[in-house]
Each structure stands twice: as C-alpha cells, then as structure tokens.
Amino acid sequence: MSQLQRVSLTLPGSVAETDVAEFDLVFSELLDSAAVSFYRKGGGSWAIEALFHEQPDMSVVTALLAPLFEKHSMAPLPLALHSLADRDWLAENRAGFPPRHIGRFWVYGSHIERHPPAGSLPLLVDASLAFGSGTHPTTEGCLRAIQMLAGARPRRVLDMGCGSAILAMAAHRIWPASAIVAADNDPVAIRVTAKNRRLNNIAPARMRLAVSHGFASRYVRQSAPYDVLLANILARPLARMAPELCRHLAPRGWLILSGILNQQAVSVRNAYQAQKLRCWQQIRIGEWTTLVMRPAGVGSMPYLWRGRCQSS
C-alpha cells in the first residue's frame, strides 16, 4: 500500500462534456497519473480527479492546462492537492475494471485470475495506468483500426507516444513477425512499457523501446520508414507533427491517428491531406475519433474493410 496524491480541478457546470474530456486528457495522457476520472458534482459543476504515486510538479500541471483555459476563454482555475490516507487505492480502482473484449483483443488487468477466452488475443495492461489501458475511446479506436488492417504484413511498426504500449503490444499480437518500435518522450512511460512487454511475454528483440521527443531518437529515425505508424496523442500535436510523421511513413504505409475529439477531426484530416495522405476510415466512439490514413496514390487493399471517411 502507498500514500497517493490527489489533484482535483473543478470546472463550471456550463462547460460541455466534450470540453471537460479535453482537460481530463491532459491528466490521463500527458501526466504520469495512476488513475483519472471526471464526474458531475451535486451542484452541477464538473470534478476532475487524478491520482499520482508521487507529488506532481504543480507548475507543470498548471502549464499544461493553461492552453485549454485560454482556448475556452476561461480564467485559470485553482488546483487542489491532497495526500490520501494509506489504503490500496490502486487495487480498489482495478477492481472496478473488468476485462474487455475489443474485437479479438481481450484486455485485462493483473487482478483478473481467469484464463483468456479461446481464440482471443490477450493484452495484460492494468486499468489503473490511465495512459493506455484500453478503457478510453481513443485507445479502443486504435485497437479496432489495427484489426481492420490485420491482413497487412508490415515489416516495421511504430507506436509514437506509446504510453503503456498497449498499441505496440496489440500490433505484435496481430503481426508477430513485424519489428515493433515503442517510443515516448516520458521515461516513466518507457519503464511501464518495459514492464508490460515482460508481462505479455514479448521478446525485447521483437519490440524495441526508445525515449524520444518525436523522431529525436536516432534509433526511431533510422528504423523508418514504417509500414504502420500509430499515434494516439492529441489533436493539436498530431496536426503539428503531420510533416514529420508522413516523412517517416512508408510509401504504401498506414497511419492510425487518435486522441481527436469529433469536432477536431476535420482539422487533423486537413493537416494530413496537405501532406498528400487520404482518409480511408474514420472510427467514432462517443465523443472521440480515430483516423486511418495512407498515401493518396495507393489503391485499396483486399484485406481492408473499408468505409468512406465520414464528415465531422
């Protein structure tokens, strides 16, 4: 058992749920939080609560939230930091997350004792690790997109901004002969990835890890071009990274993008279409969108279940 730190943020009830989800994503995807939730309080306001193993640098939290306050024309709101009593909070949190079937993938935590269902592709990732546990629609969208391309035979796959590396591990389950690279700019995420790789019995030679800000790592650059490139990040960074991601994509490669709210999908698509990519499929789950794209000059593949890209 360990004493966790809880950071709380209260937003006005007038804020749309989709906008609250953007604030939530800062804690779940950009900070080393152990668990995150948001909910309506009794008076109608929104509460976002994030748990941390160690006291976070509140100046970093404030800096990451500042662009969202500015975007929504809100004055920065105060954050509350509290130490929680000594209880096994993470065990209690895990107990609330049953295993999930996402297509053929069976995503489960270490608290699940039963064997994976026959014919499933098991992925052991503790749900308490908010950055990529399979419970968020952005992660689910990517897992479904990977299965759409199951008939592909990629030589190289990159999971950019890997978090827990659930997508890199899913790629290994679908394409065991592929060389997988999992990269993240957060060393903590790479430590979590190394642990998950071991728990899922994936040989280090089949899934290489790199601490990298984008393609700053020489290994990440030199392993390109990638036949499948996964990036579950956020809409603004994805749009900004479009030239770099496309430059490291193979001429007949596939790009899977997520972390995109539905109303942001058009702007992200436009950024990649400007790099001569074409949207082949758009997956919407709740308020979130996952895009499947590839170079515009490449024809359709017989193994891909293809639907036309929806408009947002």
Protein backbone atom coordinates (compact mmCIF):
# COMPACT_ATOMS: atom_id res chain seq x y z
CA MET A 1 0.00 0.00 0.00
CA SER A 2 1.20 3.52 -0.74
CA GLN A 3 0.07 7.05 0.05
CA LEU A 4 -1.19 8.61 -3.15
CA GLN A 5 -1.53 12.27 -4.04
CA ARG A 6 -4.84 13.52 -5.45
CA VAL A 7 -5.07 16.56 -7.71
CA SER A 8 -8.57 17.96 -8.13
CA LEU A 9 -9.93 20.52 -10.56
CA THR A 10 -13.49 21.89 -10.53
CA LEU A 11 -14.96 23.27 -13.76
CA PRO A 12 -18.25 25.18 -14.12
CA GLY A 13 -21.32 23.17 -14.99
CA SER A 14 -21.73 25.26 -18.15
CA VAL A 15 -18.63 23.61 -19.66
CA ALA A 16 -19.60 21.00 -22.28
CA GLU A 17 -18.73 17.39 -21.53
CA THR A 18 -16.53 17.24 -24.63
CA ASP A 19 -14.52 20.18 -23.29
CA VAL A 20 -14.22 18.54 -19.86
CA ALA A 21 -12.84 15.49 -21.67
CA GLU A 22 -10.04 17.66 -23.09
CA PHE A 23 -9.00 18.67 -19.57
CA ASP A 24 -9.25 15.05 -18.45
CA LEU A 25 -6.97 14.02 -21.32
CA VAL A 26 -4.18 16.26 -20.01
CA PHE A 27 -4.08 14.17 -16.82
CA SER A 28 -4.58 10.78 -18.50
CA GLU A 29 -2.25 11.23 -21.48
CA LEU A 30 0.30 13.97 -20.69
CA LEU A 31 0.95 13.49 -16.97
CA ASP A 32 2.16 10.46 -15.05
CA SER A 33 -1.16 9.86 -13.33
CA ALA A 34 -2.10 6.49 -11.89
CA ALA A 35 -5.85 6.97 -12.42
CA VAL A 36 -8.16 9.75 -13.63
CA SER A 37 -11.91 10.34 -13.52
CA PHE A 38 -14.36 13.18 -14.09
CA TYR A 39 -17.96 13.43 -12.96
CA ARG A 40 -20.83 15.82 -12.24
CA LYS A 41 -20.96 17.08 -8.69
CA GLY A 42 -24.20 17.61 -6.81
CA GLY A 43 -24.39 21.30 -7.72
CA GLY A 44 -23.88 20.60 -11.42
CA SER A 45 -20.21 21.56 -11.67
CA TRP A 46 -17.61 19.14 -13.06
CA ALA A 47 -14.96 17.49 -10.91
CA ILE A 48 -11.77 16.04 -12.37
CA GLU A 49 -9.68 13.94 -10.01
CA ALA A 50 -6.25 12.45 -10.78
CA LEU A 51 -4.20 10.15 -8.55
CA PHE A 52 -0.39 10.23 -8.52
CA HIS A 53 2.16 7.91 -6.91
CA GLU A 54 4.30 10.91 -6.03
CA GLN A 55 3.51 14.57 -5.55
CA PRO A 56 3.37 16.11 -9.04
CA ASP A 57 5.09 19.32 -10.01
CA MET A 58 2.09 21.63 -9.86
CA SER A 59 3.79 24.22 -12.06
CA VAL A 60 3.95 21.58 -14.83
CA VAL A 61 0.28 20.68 -14.32
CA THR A 62 -0.68 24.37 -14.46
CA ALA A 63 1.39 24.94 -17.62
CA LEU A 64 -0.24 22.01 -19.42
CA LEU A 65 -3.74 23.18 -18.51
CA ALA A 66 -3.12 26.84 -19.41
CA PRO A 67 -3.68 26.44 -23.20
CA LEU A 68 -7.07 24.80 -22.55
CA PHE A 69 -8.22 27.60 -20.25
CA GLU A 70 -7.17 30.08 -22.94
CA LYS A 71 -8.86 28.07 -25.70
CA HIS A 72 -12.18 28.08 -23.82
CA SER A 73 -11.86 31.74 -22.74
CA MET A 74 -11.69 30.80 -19.07
CA ALA A 75 -9.55 32.31 -16.34
CA PRO A 76 -7.21 29.63 -14.90
CA LEU A 77 -8.93 27.79 -12.05
CA PRO A 78 -7.17 26.66 -8.88
CA LEU A 79 -5.95 23.11 -8.42
CA ALA A 80 -6.28 21.27 -5.10
CA LEU A 81 -3.61 18.81 -3.93
CA HIS A 82 -4.32 16.32 -1.12
CA SER A 83 -2.48 13.32 0.31
CA LEU A 84 -4.74 10.29 0.60
CA ALA A 85 -4.82 8.01 3.60
CA ASP A 86 -2.81 4.78 3.42
CA ARG A 87 -5.12 2.41 1.52
CA ASP A 88 -4.56 0.26 -1.52
CA TRP A 89 -6.30 2.78 -3.76
CA LEU A 90 -4.99 1.23 -6.97
CA ALA A 91 -6.27 -2.23 -6.02
CA GLU A 92 -9.67 -0.70 -5.35
CA ASN A 93 -9.52 1.10 -8.68
CA ARG A 94 -8.52 -2.06 -10.58
CA ALA A 95 -11.43 -3.99 -9.08
CA GLY A 96 -13.80 -1.64 -10.90
CA PHE A 97 -12.35 -2.56 -14.31
CA PRO A 98 -13.48 -5.94 -15.65
CA PRO A 99 -11.76 -7.42 -18.73
CA ARG A 100 -12.93 -6.05 -22.08
CA HIS A 101 -13.37 -7.66 -25.45
CA ILE A 102 -12.41 -5.20 -28.21
CA GLY A 103 -12.80 -7.27 -31.34
CA ARG A 104 -10.38 -10.18 -30.94
CA PHE A 105 -8.38 -8.39 -28.25
CA TRP A 106 -9.06 -9.36 -24.64
CA VAL A 107 -7.77 -6.52 -22.47
CA TYR A 108 -7.43 -7.42 -18.80
CA GLY A 109 -5.63 -6.34 -15.65
CA SER A 110 -3.40 -8.25 -13.27
CA HIS A 111 -6.31 -8.63 -10.86
CA ILE A 112 -8.13 -10.93 -13.32
CA GLU A 113 -7.42 -14.57 -12.47
CA ARG A 114 -9.34 -16.46 -15.15
CA HIS A 115 -7.72 -17.56 -18.39
CA PRO A 116 -8.21 -15.57 -21.62
CA PRO A 117 -11.09 -16.83 -23.78
CA ALA A 118 -10.18 -19.31 -26.50
CA GLY A 119 -9.23 -17.61 -29.77
CA SER A 120 -8.71 -14.21 -28.17
CA LEU A 121 -5.58 -12.07 -28.34
CA PRO A 122 -4.81 -11.26 -24.68
CA LEU A 123 -3.32 -7.93 -23.62
CA LEU A 124 -2.38 -7.61 -19.96
CA VAL A 125 -2.47 -3.92 -19.01
CA ASP A 126 -3.52 -2.71 -15.60
CA ALA A 127 -6.52 -0.39 -15.89
CA SER A 128 -5.02 1.82 -13.19
CA LEU A 129 -2.46 3.03 -15.73
CA ALA A 130 -4.60 5.69 -17.34
CA PHE A 131 -2.29 6.35 -20.26
CA GLY A 132 -3.42 3.46 -22.43
CA SER A 133 -5.42 0.83 -20.58
CA GLY A 134 -7.95 0.11 -23.33
CA THR A 135 -10.74 1.81 -21.39
CA HIS A 136 -10.53 5.17 -23.19
CA PRO A 137 -12.34 5.50 -26.56
CA THR A 138 -9.13 6.79 -28.18
CA THR A 139 -7.31 3.55 -27.31
CA GLU A 140 -10.29 1.41 -28.31
CA GLY A 141 -10.49 3.18 -31.67
CA CYS A 142 -6.84 2.37 -32.37
CA LEU A 143 -7.31 -1.27 -31.35
CA ARG A 144 -10.22 -1.58 -33.75
CA ALA A 145 -8.26 0.15 -36.51
CA ILE A 146 -5.34 -2.26 -36.06
CA GLN A 147 -7.71 -5.19 -36.54
CA MET A 148 -9.06 -3.64 -39.74
CA LEU A 149 -5.53 -3.97 -41.14
CA ALA A 150 -4.99 -7.48 -39.80
CA GLY A 151 -4.28 -8.87 -43.28
CA ALA A 152 -1.41 -6.46 -43.84
CA ARG A 153 2.15 -7.73 -43.49
CA PRO A 154 4.07 -4.72 -42.14
CA ARG A 155 7.80 -5.10 -41.69
CA ARG A 156 8.11 -2.15 -39.31
CA VAL A 157 5.56 -0.64 -36.91
CA LEU A 158 5.95 2.47 -34.74
CA ASP A 159 3.84 3.34 -31.70
CA MET A 160 4.60 7.05 -31.27
CA GLY A 161 3.71 8.35 -27.81
CA CYS A 162 3.24 4.77 -26.65
CA GLY A 163 2.20 5.37 -23.01
CA SER A 164 1.64 1.85 -21.65
CA ALA A 165 2.42 0.45 -25.14
CA ILE A 166 -0.94 -1.28 -25.40
CA LEU A 167 -1.00 -0.41 -29.12
CA ALA A 168 2.54 -1.68 -29.70
CA MET A 169 1.65 -4.93 -27.94
CA ALA A 170 -1.57 -5.21 -29.93
CA ALA A 171 0.45 -4.75 -33.12
CA HIS A 172 2.73 -7.58 -32.01
CA ARG A 173 -0.26 -9.85 -31.38
CA ILE A 174 -1.65 -9.14 -34.87
CA TRP A 175 1.72 -9.08 -36.69
CA PRO A 176 4.15 -11.24 -34.64
CA ALA A 177 6.79 -11.18 -37.40
CA SER A 178 6.95 -7.38 -37.50
CA ALA A 179 9.66 -5.26 -35.90
CA ILE A 180 7.86 -3.03 -33.40
CA VAL A 181 9.20 0.25 -32.01
CA ALA A 182 7.50 1.85 -28.97
CA ALA A 183 8.58 5.46 -28.34
CA ASP A 184 7.55 8.06 -25.77
CA ASN A 185 9.07 11.30 -24.52
CA ASP A 186 8.33 10.28 -20.91
CA PRO A 187 10.90 7.92 -19.32
CA VAL A 188 8.23 6.76 -16.86
CA ALA A 189 6.08 5.58 -19.77
CA ILE A 190 9.01 3.62 -21.18
CA ARG A 191 9.57 1.94 -17.81
CA VAL A 192 5.89 0.97 -17.75
CA THR A 193 6.23 -0.26 -21.34
CA ALA A 194 9.22 -2.44 -20.42
CA LYS A 195 7.22 -3.99 -17.59
CA ASN A 196 4.19 -4.60 -19.80
CA ARG A 197 6.37 -6.12 -22.51
CA ARG A 198 7.71 -8.59 -19.97
CA LEU A 199 4.28 -9.39 -18.50
CA ASN A 200 2.95 -10.09 -22.00
CA ASN A 201 5.90 -12.37 -22.86
CA ILE A 202 7.10 -10.25 -25.78
CA ALA A 203 10.78 -10.66 -26.58
CA PRO A 204 12.75 -7.38 -26.43
CA ALA A 205 14.10 -8.12 -29.91
CA ARG A 206 10.53 -8.04 -31.30
CA MET A 207 9.55 -4.78 -29.55
CA ARG A 208 12.25 -2.14 -29.11
CA LEU A 209 11.78 0.82 -26.76
CA ALA A 210 13.02 4.39 -27.06
CA VAL A 211 12.74 7.60 -25.05
CA SER A 212 12.23 10.11 -27.82
CA HIS A 213 10.68 13.52 -28.40
CA GLY A 214 9.06 12.74 -31.72
CA PHE A 215 11.81 11.45 -34.00
CA ALA A 216 14.68 12.94 -32.00
CA SER A 217 15.97 9.46 -31.15
CA ARG A 218 18.41 8.21 -33.78
CA TYR A 219 17.04 4.68 -33.40
CA VAL A 220 13.46 5.83 -34.06
CA ARG A 221 14.61 7.75 -37.15
CA GLN A 222 16.84 5.01 -38.52
CA SER A 223 14.14 2.34 -38.12
CA ALA A 224 11.94 4.23 -40.61
CA PRO A 225 10.17 4.03 -42.96
CA TYR A 226 7.29 2.47 -41.04
CA ASP A 227 4.61 0.40 -42.74
CA VAL A 228 2.17 1.09 -39.87
CA LEU A 229 2.53 4.20 -37.73
CA LEU A 230 0.31 4.61 -34.65
CA ALA A 231 -0.07 7.94 -32.88
CA ASN A 232 -2.64 8.23 -30.09
CA ILE A 233 -1.72 11.68 -28.84
CA LEU A 234 -3.85 14.87 -29.04
CA ALA A 235 -5.31 16.77 -31.99
CA ARG A 236 -3.02 19.80 -31.87
CA PRO A 237 0.26 17.86 -31.58
CA LEU A 238 -0.94 15.49 -34.31
CA ALA A 239 -1.61 18.38 -36.68
CA ARG A 240 1.74 19.93 -35.85
CA MET A 241 3.57 16.62 -36.40
CA ALA A 242 1.93 15.88 -39.76
CA PRO A 243 5.01 16.63 -41.96
CA GLU A 244 7.33 14.63 -39.71
CA LEU A 245 5.02 11.62 -39.31
CA CYS A 246 4.36 11.48 -43.05
CA ARG A 247 8.06 11.77 -43.86
CA HIS A 248 8.74 8.59 -41.84
CA LEU A 249 5.79 6.64 -43.28
CA ALA A 250 6.47 4.02 -45.97
CA PRO A 251 5.16 4.85 -49.48
CA ARG A 252 2.40 2.23 -49.07
CA GLY A 253 2.08 2.63 -45.33
CA TRP A 254 -0.85 3.08 -42.97
CA LEU A 255 -1.23 5.87 -40.42
CA ILE A 256 -3.58 5.46 -37.44
CA LEU A 257 -4.26 8.70 -35.55
CA SER A 258 -6.29 9.15 -32.37
CA GLY A 259 -6.75 11.40 -29.34
CA ILE A 260 -9.05 13.51 -31.52
CA LEU A 261 -12.41 14.91 -30.42
CA ASN A 262 -15.08 14.58 -33.12
CA GLN A 263 -15.16 18.32 -33.79
CA GLN A 264 -11.36 18.31 -34.29
CA ALA A 265 -11.34 15.53 -36.89
CA VAL A 266 -11.66 17.81 -39.93
CA SER A 267 -8.68 19.98 -38.95
CA VAL A 268 -6.49 16.92 -38.29
CA ARG A 269 -7.56 15.33 -41.59
CA ASN A 270 -6.77 18.54 -43.43
CA ALA A 271 -3.27 18.66 -41.94
CA TYR A 272 -2.51 15.19 -43.30
CA GLN A 273 -4.27 15.69 -46.61
CA ALA A 274 -1.92 18.65 -47.10
CA GLN A 275 0.86 16.04 -46.90
CA LYS A 276 -0.85 14.06 -49.69
CA LEU A 277 -2.46 11.48 -47.42
CA ARG A 278 -6.01 10.25 -47.82
CA CYS A 279 -8.52 9.28 -45.12
CA TRP A 280 -9.63 5.67 -45.60
CA GLN A 281 -11.67 5.15 -42.47
CA GLN A 282 -12.97 7.18 -39.58
CA ILE A 283 -13.98 5.42 -36.38
CA ARG A 284 -16.17 7.31 -33.92
CA ILE A 285 -16.66 6.08 -30.37
CA GLY A 286 -18.66 8.52 -28.26
CA GLU A 287 -17.02 11.94 -28.48
CA TRP A 288 -13.76 10.62 -29.94
CA THR A 289 -12.48 9.95 -33.45
CA THR A 290 -9.76 7.65 -34.80
CA LEU A 291 -8.49 8.22 -38.35
CA VAL A 292 -6.97 5.61 -40.66
CA MET A 293 -4.96 7.29 -43.43
CA ARG A 294 -2.42 6.40 -46.13
CA PRO A 295 -0.69 7.99 -49.13
CA ALA A 296 -3.28 9.26 -51.61
CA GLY A 297 -1.82 7.49 -54.64
CA VAL A 298 -2.11 3.99 -53.14
CA GLY A 299 -5.13 1.91 -54.12
CA SER A 300 -7.31 -0.07 -51.74
CA MET A 301 -6.14 -3.40 -50.34
CA PRO A 302 -8.32 -6.53 -50.41
CA TYR A 303 -7.72 -7.23 -46.71
CA LEU A 304 -9.06 -3.86 -45.55
CA TRP A 305 -12.68 -3.47 -44.56
CA ARG A 306 -13.11 -0.01 -45.98
CA GLY A 307 -15.83 2.54 -45.40
CA ARG A 308 -15.74 6.04 -46.73
CA CYS A 309 -14.42 8.70 -44.40
CA GLN A 310 -17.33 10.36 -42.62
CA SER A 311 -17.59 14.10 -42.31
CA SER A 312 -17.38 15.64 -38.89
